[in-house]
Amino acid sequence: MILITTDNIPGKEITEVLGIVKGQVVQSKHIGRDFMAGLKTIVGGEISGYTEMLDEARKIATQRMIDEANSMGADAIIGVRFGSSSVMEGASEMLAYGTAVKIK
């Protein structure tokens, strides 16, 4: 599966647009990590527990998007974008979306 942020794939011809595909997940850290992250906000710096959480969530959302595209018979996903939002304290939503296409 080709994933690309642009609207075309260099050297490839898009033969069919299959539609929008997406994958999403709401992810949280366990209470111990959340407590330590709260302490980190006092002194500043990167909160690595949340960085890891968002990275894991991005991977899950991306795989779900790919699975949806595969079920449609897609060869590639163009215009890939990511979005995130805070659902509640310590939990974030990650969304991956794009356009499933067939290529030549």
Protein backbone atom coordinates (compact mmCIF):
# COMPACT_ATOMS: atom_id res chain seq x y z
CA MET A 1 0.00 0.00 0.00
CA ILE A 2 1.41 3.36 -1.04
CA LEU A 3 0.70 6.22 1.39
CA ILE A 4 1.43 9.73 0.20
CA THR A 5 0.51 13.22 1.38
CA THR A 6 0.30 14.66 -2.13
CA ASP A 7 -2.68 14.39 -4.48
CA ASN A 8 -0.78 12.39 -7.09
CA ILE A 9 1.91 9.73 -7.15
CA PRO A 10 4.95 10.59 -9.26
CA GLY A 11 5.32 8.11 -12.12
CA LYS A 12 1.91 6.51 -11.50
CA GLU A 13 -1.48 7.08 -13.09
CA ILE A 14 -4.56 7.13 -10.87
CA THR A 15 -7.17 5.06 -12.69
CA GLU A 16 -9.99 5.19 -10.13
CA VAL A 17 -10.88 7.14 -7.01
CA LEU A 18 -12.54 4.77 -4.54
CA GLY A 19 -13.39 7.24 -1.80
CA ILE A 20 -12.34 8.59 1.56
CA VAL A 21 -10.80 6.20 4.06
CA LYS A 22 -10.08 6.82 7.70
CA GLY A 23 -8.79 5.21 10.83
CA GLN A 24 -9.16 6.50 14.35
CA VAL A 25 -8.35 5.56 17.91
CA VAL A 26 -8.78 7.11 21.33
CA GLN A 27 -5.76 6.31 23.45
CA SER A 28 -4.85 6.95 27.08
CA LYS A 29 -1.97 6.25 29.45
CA HIS A 30 -2.31 4.44 32.73
CA ILE A 31 -2.70 6.47 35.91
CA GLY A 32 0.97 6.12 36.95
CA ARG A 33 2.21 7.64 33.71
CA ASP A 34 -0.45 10.33 33.87
CA PHE A 35 0.66 11.29 37.38
CA MET A 36 4.32 11.48 36.32
CA ALA A 37 3.35 13.58 33.29
CA GLY A 38 1.55 15.98 35.63
CA LEU A 39 4.73 16.39 37.64
CA LYS A 40 6.71 16.98 34.45
CA THR A 41 4.50 19.96 33.57
CA ILE A 42 5.79 21.70 36.70
CA VAL A 43 9.45 21.58 35.61
CA GLY A 44 8.94 21.66 31.84
CA GLY A 45 10.36 19.58 29.03
CA GLU A 46 9.10 16.79 26.83
CA ILE A 47 6.52 14.47 28.32
CA SER A 48 7.83 11.29 26.74
CA GLY A 49 4.93 9.13 27.96
CA TYR A 50 2.51 11.23 25.92
CA THR A 51 4.85 11.33 22.94
CA GLU A 52 4.92 7.52 23.00
CA MET A 53 1.14 7.38 23.41
CA LEU A 54 0.55 9.62 20.37
CA ASP A 55 3.08 7.68 18.28
CA GLU A 56 1.33 4.41 19.12
CA ALA A 57 -2.08 5.96 18.42
CA ARG A 58 -0.85 7.28 15.04
CA LYS A 59 0.36 3.80 14.07
CA ILE A 60 -2.97 2.21 15.04
CA ALA A 61 -5.01 4.85 13.20
CA THR A 62 -2.81 4.50 10.10
CA GLN A 63 -3.20 0.71 10.08
CA ARG A 64 -6.97 1.01 10.43
CA MET A 65 -7.02 3.44 7.48
CA ILE A 66 -4.92 1.00 5.41
CA ASP A 67 -7.22 -1.89 6.36
CA GLU A 68 -10.25 0.09 5.16
CA ALA A 69 -8.49 0.94 1.88
CA ASN A 70 -7.51 -2.71 1.38
CA SER A 71 -11.13 -3.78 1.88
CA MET A 72 -12.06 -1.42 -0.99
CA GLY A 73 -9.38 -2.89 -3.27
CA ALA A 74 -7.17 0.21 -3.22
CA ASP A 75 -3.55 0.27 -4.33
CA ALA A 76 -2.71 3.56 -2.63
CA ILE A 77 -3.97 6.30 -0.35
CA ILE A 78 -3.32 9.86 -1.48
CA GLY A 79 -3.72 13.12 0.41
CA VAL A 80 -2.95 11.43 3.74
CA ARG A 81 -3.51 13.66 6.75
CA PHE A 82 -3.49 13.25 10.51
CA GLY A 83 -5.51 15.05 13.14
CA SER A 84 -5.63 14.80 16.89
CA SER A 85 -7.73 16.15 19.69
CA SER A 86 -7.95 15.84 23.43
CA VAL A 87 -11.00 13.81 24.41
CA MET A 88 -10.45 14.14 28.16
CA GLU A 89 -7.51 14.64 30.48
CA GLY A 90 -4.95 11.97 29.67
CA ALA A 91 -6.75 10.67 26.56
CA SER A 92 -6.36 11.77 22.94
CA GLU A 93 -8.03 10.89 19.68
CA MET A 94 -5.85 10.29 16.64
CA LEU A 95 -7.40 10.36 13.17
CA ALA A 96 -5.72 9.33 9.91
CA TYR A 97 -7.54 9.96 6.63
CA GLY A 98 -7.00 10.15 2.90
CA THR A 99 -8.40 9.13 -0.47
CA ALA A 100 -8.22 5.49 -1.57
CA VAL A 101 -7.28 5.06 -5.23
CA LYS A 102 -6.38 2.42 -7.79
CA ILE A 103 -3.23 3.06 -9.80
CA LYS A 104 -1.77 1.83 -13.07
